[in-house]
Amino acid sequence: MADSLSPAFESLFRTEYARVVGIAHRVLADQAEAEDVAQDVFVSFYRSHPANVPYAPAWLHAAAAHAALNALRGRDRRSRREAAQALPLDAAAVTDDPAEVVAASETRDEVRAVLARLPERSAAMLALRYAGLSYAEIAAALDIRASSVGTLLRRAEDAFRRELQ
């Protein structure tokens, strides 16, 4: 397939791959899973869109956020199923300060669980913003007015805080 890629798609891929992986990684905190999401996003784009369309970066960013959130939700469902069937584990830890590791891990897991419960647009908005996208890039990715991003982001953050409590 690599031989048949257009130069425009190769250029798009080289330009946007790191950011697409970064968005997915921000949500998933797993590099391999983020790269899998990025690959799926690019394949989906390649099959359905010309590489030189002006909306390509925005489409890729939004698709990365949505695909990562879907993967997160799937992971959450899978974890719940496995936990329900799992045997109790030995509590012995292999780290210097188990309390810190547990606290940090619980915080990250709680953030991901809250993101998975939020409405799709709110979760995507938070994922895109905290992956480093500007308001203009978020607006393009989610197809909203740039002037609305601040308000919608604040509402998403408020919903996140409420859900966290």
N, C-alpha and C. Protein backbone atom coordinates (compact mmCIF):
# COMPACT_ATOMS: atom_id res chain seq x y z
N MET A 1 0.83 -1.19 0.00
CA MET A 1 0.00 0.00 0.00
C MET A 1 0.87 1.25 0.00
N ALA A 2 2.04 1.21 0.62
CA ALA A 2 2.90 2.38 0.72
C ALA A 2 3.31 2.89 -0.65
N ASP A 3 3.47 1.98 -1.63
CA ASP A 3 3.88 2.42 -2.96
C ASP A 3 2.77 3.17 -3.68
N SER A 4 1.52 2.92 -3.33
CA SER A 4 0.40 3.52 -4.04
C SER A 4 -0.10 4.81 -3.41
N LEU A 5 0.49 5.24 -2.29
CA LEU A 5 0.04 6.46 -1.64
C LEU A 5 0.42 7.68 -2.47
N SER A 6 -0.50 8.62 -2.51
CA SER A 6 -0.22 9.85 -3.24
C SER A 6 0.76 10.71 -2.46
N PRO A 7 1.50 11.53 -3.15
CA PRO A 7 2.41 12.45 -2.44
C PRO A 7 1.64 13.37 -1.48
N ALA A 8 0.43 13.75 -1.85
CA ALA A 8 -0.37 14.62 -0.98
C ALA A 8 -0.72 13.90 0.32
N PHE A 9 -1.07 12.62 0.23
CA PHE A 9 -1.41 11.87 1.44
C PHE A 9 -0.16 11.65 2.29
N GLU A 10 0.95 11.33 1.65
CA GLU A 10 2.20 11.15 2.40
C GLU A 10 2.57 12.42 3.14
N SER A 11 2.40 13.55 2.48
CA SER A 11 2.70 14.84 3.12
C SER A 11 1.76 15.09 4.30
N LEU A 12 0.47 14.82 4.10
CA LEU A 12 -0.51 14.98 5.18
C LEU A 12 -0.15 14.08 6.35
N PHE A 13 0.19 12.84 6.04
CA PHE A 13 0.55 11.88 7.09
C PHE A 13 1.77 12.37 7.87
N ARG A 14 2.80 12.79 7.16
CA ARG A 14 4.02 13.27 7.83
C ARG A 14 3.76 14.51 8.68
N THR A 15 2.90 15.38 8.20
CA THR A 15 2.59 16.62 8.91
C THR A 15 1.73 16.37 10.15
N GLU A 16 0.76 15.49 10.07
CA GLU A 16 -0.25 15.35 11.12
C GLU A 16 -0.10 14.12 12.01
N TYR A 17 0.73 13.16 11.64
CA TYR A 17 0.80 11.91 12.41
C TYR A 17 1.12 12.14 13.88
N ALA A 18 2.15 12.92 14.17
CA ALA A 18 2.55 13.12 15.57
C ALA A 18 1.41 13.74 16.39
N ARG A 19 0.71 14.69 15.79
CA ARG A 19 -0.38 15.34 16.53
C ARG A 19 -1.54 14.38 16.73
N VAL A 20 -1.87 13.58 15.72
CA VAL A 20 -2.96 12.61 15.85
C VAL A 20 -2.61 11.59 16.94
N VAL A 21 -1.39 11.10 16.94
CA VAL A 21 -0.96 10.17 18.00
C VAL A 21 -1.00 10.88 19.35
N GLY A 22 -0.57 12.13 19.39
CA GLY A 22 -0.57 12.89 20.64
C GLY A 22 -1.96 13.06 21.23
N ILE A 23 -2.93 13.33 20.38
CA ILE A 23 -4.32 13.47 20.84
C ILE A 23 -4.80 12.14 21.42
N ALA A 24 -4.57 11.07 20.68
CA ALA A 24 -5.00 9.75 21.16
C ALA A 24 -4.26 9.36 22.44
N HIS A 25 -2.99 9.66 22.50
CA HIS A 25 -2.20 9.31 23.69
C HIS A 25 -2.67 10.08 24.91
N ARG A 26 -3.05 11.33 24.70
CA ARG A 26 -3.53 12.15 25.81
C ARG A 26 -4.77 11.51 26.46
N VAL A 27 -5.60 10.89 25.64
CA VAL A 27 -6.81 10.24 26.14
C VAL A 27 -6.49 8.87 26.72
N LEU A 28 -5.65 8.11 26.03
CA LEU A 28 -5.45 6.70 26.36
C LEU A 28 -4.27 6.43 27.28
N ALA A 29 -3.27 7.30 27.27
CA ALA A 29 -2.04 7.10 28.06
C ALA A 29 -1.37 5.77 27.74
N ASP A 30 -1.45 5.35 26.51
CA ASP A 30 -0.82 4.11 26.07
C ASP A 30 -0.31 4.37 24.65
N GLN A 31 1.01 4.42 24.49
CA GLN A 31 1.60 4.79 23.21
C GLN A 31 1.20 3.83 22.09
N ALA A 32 1.28 2.54 22.36
CA ALA A 32 0.94 1.57 21.32
C ALA A 32 -0.52 1.68 20.91
N GLU A 33 -1.40 1.84 21.88
CA GLU A 33 -2.82 1.97 21.57
C GLU A 33 -3.09 3.28 20.82
N ALA A 34 -2.38 4.35 21.21
CA ALA A 34 -2.52 5.64 20.51
C ALA A 34 -2.07 5.52 19.06
N GLU A 35 -0.99 4.80 18.83
CA GLU A 35 -0.51 4.60 17.46
C GLU A 35 -1.49 3.76 16.66
N ASP A 36 -2.11 2.76 17.29
CA ASP A 36 -3.14 1.97 16.61
C ASP A 36 -4.33 2.85 16.22
N VAL A 37 -4.75 3.71 17.15
CA VAL A 37 -5.85 4.63 16.86
C VAL A 37 -5.47 5.54 15.70
N ALA A 38 -4.27 6.09 15.72
CA ALA A 38 -3.81 6.98 14.65
C ALA A 38 -3.82 6.25 13.31
N GLN A 39 -3.34 5.03 13.30
CA GLN A 39 -3.33 4.25 12.06
C GLN A 39 -4.76 4.07 11.54
N ASP A 40 -5.68 3.71 12.42
CA ASP A 40 -7.07 3.53 12.01
C ASP A 40 -7.67 4.83 11.47
N VAL A 41 -7.33 5.94 12.12
CA VAL A 41 -7.85 7.24 11.69
C VAL A 41 -7.34 7.58 10.29
N PHE A 42 -6.05 7.39 10.07
CA PHE A 42 -5.49 7.70 8.75
C PHE A 42 -6.03 6.77 7.67
N VAL A 43 -6.21 5.50 7.98
CA VAL A 43 -6.76 4.56 7.00
C VAL A 43 -8.19 4.97 6.66
N SER A 44 -8.96 5.30 7.67
CA SER A 44 -10.34 5.74 7.44
C SER A 44 -10.38 6.99 6.56
N PHE A 45 -9.51 7.95 6.87
CA PHE A 45 -9.46 9.18 6.08
C PHE A 45 -9.06 8.86 4.64
N TYR A 46 -8.04 8.05 4.48
CA TYR A 46 -7.51 7.71 3.15
C TYR A 46 -8.59 7.07 2.27
N ARG A 47 -9.41 6.23 2.89
CA ARG A 47 -10.45 5.53 2.13
C ARG A 47 -11.60 6.43 1.72
N SER A 48 -11.81 7.53 2.44
CA SER A 48 -13.02 8.32 2.22
C SER A 48 -12.81 9.74 1.72
N HIS A 49 -11.58 10.25 1.78
CA HIS A 49 -11.36 11.65 1.46
C HIS A 49 -10.12 11.84 0.61
N PRO A 50 -10.14 12.86 -0.25
CA PRO A 50 -8.90 13.21 -0.94
C PRO A 50 -7.92 13.85 0.05
N ALA A 51 -6.66 13.58 -0.11
CA ALA A 51 -5.65 14.03 0.86
C ALA A 51 -5.48 15.54 0.90
N ASN A 52 -5.82 16.21 -0.16
CA ASN A 52 -5.55 17.65 -0.22
C ASN A 52 -6.75 18.53 0.14
N VAL A 53 -7.77 17.96 0.76
CA VAL A 53 -8.92 18.77 1.15
C VAL A 53 -8.52 19.69 2.31
N PRO A 54 -9.06 20.89 2.34
CA PRO A 54 -8.65 21.84 3.39
C PRO A 54 -9.04 21.41 4.80
N TYR A 55 -10.05 20.57 4.93
CA TYR A 55 -10.50 20.17 6.25
C TYR A 55 -9.73 18.96 6.80
N ALA A 56 -8.75 18.47 6.08
CA ALA A 56 -8.05 17.24 6.48
C ALA A 56 -7.50 17.29 7.90
N PRO A 57 -6.71 18.31 8.29
CA PRO A 57 -6.18 18.30 9.66
C PRO A 57 -7.30 18.30 10.72
N ALA A 58 -8.31 19.12 10.52
CA ALA A 58 -9.41 19.19 11.48
C ALA A 58 -10.13 17.84 11.58
N TRP A 59 -10.37 17.22 10.43
CA TRP A 59 -11.03 15.91 10.41
C TRP A 59 -10.20 14.89 11.17
N LEU A 60 -8.91 14.87 10.93
CA LEU A 60 -8.01 13.91 11.59
C LEU A 60 -7.98 14.13 13.10
N HIS A 61 -7.93 15.40 13.53
CA HIS A 61 -7.88 15.71 14.96
C HIS A 61 -9.17 15.25 15.65
N ALA A 62 -10.30 15.58 15.06
CA ALA A 62 -11.58 15.18 15.65
C ALA A 62 -11.72 13.66 15.66
N ALA A 63 -11.35 13.03 14.56
CA ALA A 63 -11.45 11.56 14.48
C ALA A 63 -10.54 10.91 15.52
N ALA A 64 -9.36 11.48 15.74
CA ALA A 64 -8.44 10.93 16.75
C ALA A 64 -9.07 11.00 18.14
N ALA A 65 -9.65 12.14 18.46
CA ALA A 65 -10.29 12.29 19.77
C ALA A 65 -11.44 11.31 19.93
N HIS A 66 -12.30 11.21 18.92
CA HIS A 66 -13.46 10.32 19.01
C HIS A 66 -13.03 8.85 19.06
N ALA A 67 -12.08 8.49 18.22
CA ALA A 67 -11.62 7.09 18.20
C ALA A 67 -10.94 6.72 19.52
N ALA A 68 -10.17 7.64 20.08
CA ALA A 68 -9.51 7.37 21.36
C ALA A 68 -10.54 7.25 22.48
N LEU A 69 -11.54 8.11 22.46
CA LEU A 69 -12.60 8.01 23.47
C LEU A 69 -13.36 6.69 23.33
N ASN A 70 -13.62 6.27 22.10
CA ASN A 70 -14.28 4.98 21.89
C ASN A 70 -13.41 3.84 22.40
N ALA A 71 -12.11 3.91 22.13
CA ALA A 71 -11.18 2.89 22.63
C ALA A 71 -11.16 2.89 24.15
N LEU A 72 -11.18 4.07 24.74
CA LEU A 72 -11.20 4.19 26.19
C LEU A 72 -12.45 3.56 26.77
N ARG A 73 -13.60 3.84 26.15
CA ARG A 73 -14.85 3.26 26.62
C ARG A 73 -14.82 1.73 26.48
N GLY A 74 -14.27 1.26 25.38
CA GLY A 74 -14.15 -0.18 25.18
C GLY A 74 -13.23 -0.81 26.21
N ARG A 75 -12.13 -0.13 26.49
CA ARG A 75 -11.18 -0.61 27.49
C ARG A 75 -11.86 -0.65 28.87
N ASP A 76 -12.65 0.38 29.17
CA ASP A 76 -13.34 0.44 30.45
C ASP A 76 -14.32 -0.73 30.60
N ARG A 77 -15.08 -1.00 29.53
CA ARG A 77 -16.02 -2.13 29.57
C ARG A 77 -15.27 -3.45 29.74
N ARG A 78 -14.18 -3.60 29.00
CA ARG A 78 -13.38 -4.81 29.08
C ARG A 78 -12.79 -4.99 30.48
N SER A 79 -12.29 -3.91 31.06
CA SER A 79 -11.71 -3.96 32.41
C SER A 79 -12.75 -4.37 33.44
N ARG A 80 -13.95 -3.82 33.31
CA ARG A 80 -15.01 -4.19 34.26
C ARG A 80 -15.36 -5.67 34.14
N ARG A 81 -15.44 -6.17 32.90
CA ARG A 81 -15.73 -7.59 32.70
C ARG A 81 -14.63 -8.45 33.29
N GLU A 82 -13.38 -8.09 33.00
CA GLU A 82 -12.25 -8.87 33.51
C GLU A 82 -12.16 -8.81 35.02
N ALA A 83 -12.41 -7.64 35.60
CA ALA A 83 -12.35 -7.50 37.06
C ALA A 83 -13.43 -8.35 37.73
N ALA A 84 -14.56 -8.43 37.10
CA ALA A 84 -15.64 -9.22 37.67
C ALA A 84 -15.30 -10.71 37.67
N GLN A 85 -14.45 -11.13 36.75
CA GLN A 85 -14.09 -12.54 36.63
C GLN A 85 -12.73 -12.86 37.24
N ALA A 86 -11.99 -11.83 37.65
CA ALA A 86 -10.61 -12.04 38.10
C ALA A 86 -10.53 -12.59 39.51
N LEU A 87 -9.43 -13.23 39.77
CA LEU A 87 -9.13 -13.69 41.13
C LEU A 87 -8.44 -12.56 41.86
N PRO A 88 -8.57 -12.47 43.17
CA PRO A 88 -7.87 -11.41 43.92
C PRO A 88 -6.36 -11.53 43.72
N LEU A 89 -5.71 -10.38 43.56
CA LEU A 89 -4.26 -10.35 43.35
C LEU A 89 -3.54 -10.12 44.65
N ASP A 90 -2.29 -10.55 44.70
CA ASP A 90 -1.43 -10.29 45.85
C ASP A 90 -1.18 -8.79 45.91
N ALA A 91 -1.25 -8.19 47.08
CA ALA A 91 -1.11 -6.75 47.24
C ALA A 91 0.34 -6.28 47.23
N ALA A 92 1.30 -7.18 47.10
CA ALA A 92 2.71 -6.78 47.12
C ALA A 92 3.04 -5.90 45.92
N ALA A 93 3.72 -4.80 46.18
CA ALA A 93 4.07 -3.86 45.10
C ALA A 93 5.56 -3.97 44.79
N VAL A 94 5.91 -3.59 43.57
CA VAL A 94 7.29 -3.68 43.14
C VAL A 94 7.92 -2.31 42.94
N THR A 95 7.45 -1.31 43.62
CA THR A 95 7.96 0.03 43.44
C THR A 95 8.48 0.59 44.75
N ASP A 96 9.19 1.70 44.65
CA ASP A 96 9.76 2.31 45.84
C ASP A 96 8.69 2.85 46.77
N ASP A 97 7.74 3.60 46.22
CA ASP A 97 6.69 4.17 47.05
C ASP A 97 5.33 3.75 46.51
N PRO A 98 4.82 2.65 46.96
CA PRO A 98 3.56 2.15 46.43
C PRO A 98 2.40 3.12 46.60
N ALA A 99 2.40 3.90 47.67
CA ALA A 99 1.30 4.84 47.89
C ALA A 99 1.24 5.88 46.79
N GLU A 100 2.40 6.39 46.38
CA GLU A 100 2.42 7.38 45.29
C GLU A 100 1.99 6.77 43.98
N VAL A 101 2.46 5.58 43.68
CA VAL A 101 2.11 4.93 42.43
C VAL A 101 0.60 4.66 42.38
N VAL A 102 0.07 4.18 43.47
CA VAL A 102 -1.37 3.89 43.53
C VAL A 102 -2.18 5.17 43.39
N ALA A 103 -1.78 6.23 44.10
CA ALA A 103 -2.52 7.50 44.04
C ALA A 103 -2.50 8.07 42.62
N ALA A 104 -1.33 8.07 41.99
CA ALA A 104 -1.22 8.60 40.62
C ALA A 104 -2.03 7.76 39.65
N SER A 105 -1.96 6.47 39.80
CA SER A 105 -2.69 5.57 38.92
C SER A 105 -4.20 5.73 39.10
N GLU A 106 -4.63 5.85 40.34
CA GLU A 106 -6.06 6.03 40.61
C GLU A 106 -6.57 7.35 40.04
N THR A 107 -5.75 8.40 40.14
CA THR A 107 -6.14 9.70 39.59
C THR A 107 -6.29 9.62 38.08
N ARG A 108 -5.31 9.02 37.40
CA ARG A 108 -5.38 8.88 35.94
C ARG A 108 -6.58 8.04 35.54
N ASP A 109 -6.79 6.94 36.25
CA ASP A 109 -7.93 6.07 35.94
C ASP A 109 -9.25 6.79 36.16
N GLU A 110 -9.32 7.59 37.22
CA GLU A 110 -10.55 8.33 37.51
C GLU A 110 -10.82 9.37 36.42
N VAL A 111 -9.78 10.07 35.97
CA VAL A 111 -9.94 11.06 34.90
C VAL A 111 -10.45 10.38 33.64
N ARG A 112 -9.86 9.25 33.29
CA ARG A 112 -10.29 8.53 32.08
C ARG A 112 -11.73 8.03 32.22
N ALA A 113 -12.09 7.57 33.41
CA ALA A 113 -13.46 7.09 33.64
C ALA A 113 -14.45 8.24 33.51
N VAL A 114 -14.10 9.40 34.03
CA VAL A 114 -14.99 10.57 33.91
C VAL A 114 -15.12 10.97 32.45
N LEU A 115 -14.01 11.00 31.70
CA LEU A 115 -14.07 11.33 30.27
C LEU A 115 -14.99 10.36 29.54
N ALA A 116 -14.92 9.11 29.89
CA ALA A 116 -15.76 8.11 29.22
C ALA A 116 -17.24 8.31 29.51
N ARG A 117 -17.57 8.93 30.64
CA ARG A 117 -18.98 9.16 30.99
C ARG A 117 -19.53 10.47 30.44
N LEU A 118 -18.67 11.39 30.06
CA LEU A 118 -19.13 12.69 29.55
C LEU A 118 -19.76 12.54 28.18
N PRO A 119 -20.62 13.49 27.79
CA PRO A 119 -21.12 13.50 26.42
C PRO A 119 -19.95 13.58 25.44
N GLU A 120 -20.12 12.97 24.29
CA GLU A 120 -19.04 12.84 23.30
C GLU A 120 -18.38 14.18 22.98
N ARG A 121 -19.17 15.22 22.70
CA ARG A 121 -18.59 16.50 22.32
C ARG A 121 -17.77 17.10 23.45
N SER A 122 -18.27 17.02 24.67
CA SER A 122 -17.53 17.57 25.82
C SER A 122 -16.21 16.83 26.02
N ALA A 123 -16.27 15.51 25.95
CA ALA A 123 -15.06 14.72 26.14
C ALA A 123 -14.06 15.00 25.02
N ALA A 124 -14.55 15.10 23.79
CA ALA A 124 -13.66 15.39 22.65
C ALA A 124 -13.04 16.77 22.80
N MET A 125 -13.84 17.74 23.23
CA MET A 125 -13.33 19.09 23.40
C MET A 125 -12.21 19.12 24.45
N LEU A 126 -12.42 18.46 25.56
CA LEU A 126 -11.38 18.41 26.60
C LEU A 126 -10.14 17.67 26.11
N ALA A 127 -10.35 16.57 25.42
CA ALA A 127 -9.21 15.80 24.91
C ALA A 127 -8.39 16.63 23.92
N LEU A 128 -9.06 17.34 23.03
CA LEU A 128 -8.35 18.16 22.05
C LEU A 128 -7.62 19.32 22.71
N ARG A 129 -8.28 19.99 23.65
CA ARG A 129 -7.66 21.14 24.31
C ARG A 129 -6.43 20.72 25.11
N TYR A 130 -6.56 19.64 25.87
CA TYR A 130 -5.45 19.22 26.71
C TYR A 130 -4.40 18.43 25.93
N ALA A 131 -4.66 18.19 24.64
CA ALA A 131 -3.63 17.64 23.76
C ALA A 131 -2.86 18.78 23.09
N GLY A 132 -3.25 20.03 23.40
CA GLY A 132 -2.48 21.17 22.93
C GLY A 132 -3.07 21.91 21.74
N LEU A 133 -4.26 21.57 21.29
CA LEU A 133 -4.84 22.27 20.16
C LEU A 133 -5.33 23.66 20.58
N SER A 134 -5.22 24.59 19.66
CA SER A 134 -5.68 25.95 19.91
C SER A 134 -7.21 25.99 19.79
N TYR A 135 -7.79 27.09 20.21
CA TYR A 135 -9.24 27.25 20.08
C TYR A 135 -9.65 27.14 18.61
N ALA A 136 -8.88 27.74 17.72
CA ALA A 136 -9.21 27.69 16.28
C ALA A 136 -9.16 26.25 15.77
N GLU A 137 -8.17 25.49 16.21
CA GLU A 137 -8.06 24.09 15.77
C GLU A 137 -9.19 23.25 16.35
N ILE A 138 -9.57 23.52 17.57
CA ILE A 138 -10.70 22.80 18.18
C ILE A 138 -11.98 23.12 17.42
N ALA A 139 -12.17 24.38 17.11
CA ALA A 139 -13.36 24.80 16.37
C ALA A 139 -13.44 24.09 15.02
N ALA A 140 -12.31 24.02 14.33
CA ALA A 140 -12.30 23.35 13.03
C ALA A 140 -12.55 21.86 13.19
N ALA A 141 -11.94 21.24 14.19
CA ALA A 141 -12.08 19.80 14.38
C ALA A 141 -13.50 19.40 14.75
N LEU A 142 -14.16 20.22 15.55
CA LEU A 142 -15.50 19.88 16.03
C LEU A 142 -16.61 20.60 15.27
N ASP A 143 -16.21 21.36 14.25
CA ASP A 143 -17.17 22.07 13.41
C ASP A 143 -18.08 22.99 14.23
N ILE A 144 -17.43 23.84 15.03
CA ILE A 144 -18.15 24.84 15.81
C ILE A 144 -17.49 26.19 15.57
N ARG A 145 -18.18 27.26 15.95
CA ARG A 145 -17.60 28.60 15.79
C ARG A 145 -16.45 28.77 16.77
N ALA A 146 -15.38 29.39 16.32
CA ALA A 146 -14.22 29.63 17.19
C ALA A 146 -14.61 30.48 18.39
N SER A 147 -15.55 31.39 18.20
CA SER A 147 -15.99 32.25 19.30
C SER A 147 -16.75 31.48 20.38
N SER A 148 -17.19 30.27 20.06
CA SER A 148 -17.93 29.45 21.04
C SER A 148 -17.03 28.51 21.82
N VAL A 149 -15.80 28.33 21.39
CA VAL A 149 -14.93 27.32 22.01
C VAL A 149 -14.71 27.59 23.49
N GLY A 150 -14.43 28.83 23.86
CA GLY A 150 -14.16 29.15 25.26
C GLY A 150 -15.33 28.80 26.16
N THR A 151 -16.52 29.19 25.75
CA THR A 151 -17.72 28.91 26.54
C THR A 151 -17.98 27.41 26.61
N LEU A 152 -17.90 26.73 25.48
CA LEU A 152 -18.15 25.29 25.46
C LEU A 152 -17.09 24.52 26.24
N LEU A 153 -15.87 24.99 26.17
CA LEU A 153 -14.79 24.36 26.93
C LEU A 153 -15.02 24.53 28.43
N ARG A 154 -15.43 25.72 28.83
CA ARG A 154 -15.73 25.96 30.24
C ARG A 154 -16.86 25.05 30.70
N ARG A 155 -17.90 24.93 29.89
CA ARG A 155 -19.01 24.04 30.23
C ARG A 155 -18.55 22.59 30.34
N ALA A 156 -17.69 22.18 29.42
CA ALA A 156 -17.16 20.81 29.46
C ALA A 156 -16.33 20.59 30.72
N GLU A 157 -15.54 21.59 31.09
CA GLU A 157 -14.74 21.49 32.32
C GLU A 157 -15.65 21.45 33.55
N ASP A 158 -16.73 22.24 33.54
CA ASP A 158 -17.69 22.21 34.65
C ASP A 158 -18.35 20.84 34.75
N ALA A 159 -18.74 20.29 33.61
CA ALA A 159 -19.36 18.96 33.59
C ALA A 159 -18.37 17.92 34.09
N PHE A 160 -17.11 18.07 33.71
CA PHE A 160 -16.08 17.16 34.17
C PHE A 160 -15.96 17.21 35.69
N ARG A 161 -15.91 18.44 36.23
CA ARG A 161 -15.79 18.61 37.68
C ARG A 161 -17.00 18.00 38.41
N ARG A 162 -18.21 18.26 37.88
CA ARG A 162 -19.42 17.70 38.50
C ARG A 162 -19.38 16.17 38.49
N GLU A 163 -18.98 15.62 37.36
CA GLU A 163 -18.93 14.16 37.22
C GLU A 163 -17.84 13.58 38.13
N LEU A 164 -16.79 14.31 38.33
CA LEU A 164 -15.68 13.86 39.19
C LEU A 164 -16.13 13.75 40.63
N GLN A 165 -17.02 14.64 41.05
CA GLN A 165 -17.51 14.64 42.43
C GLN A 165 -18.61 13.64 42.54
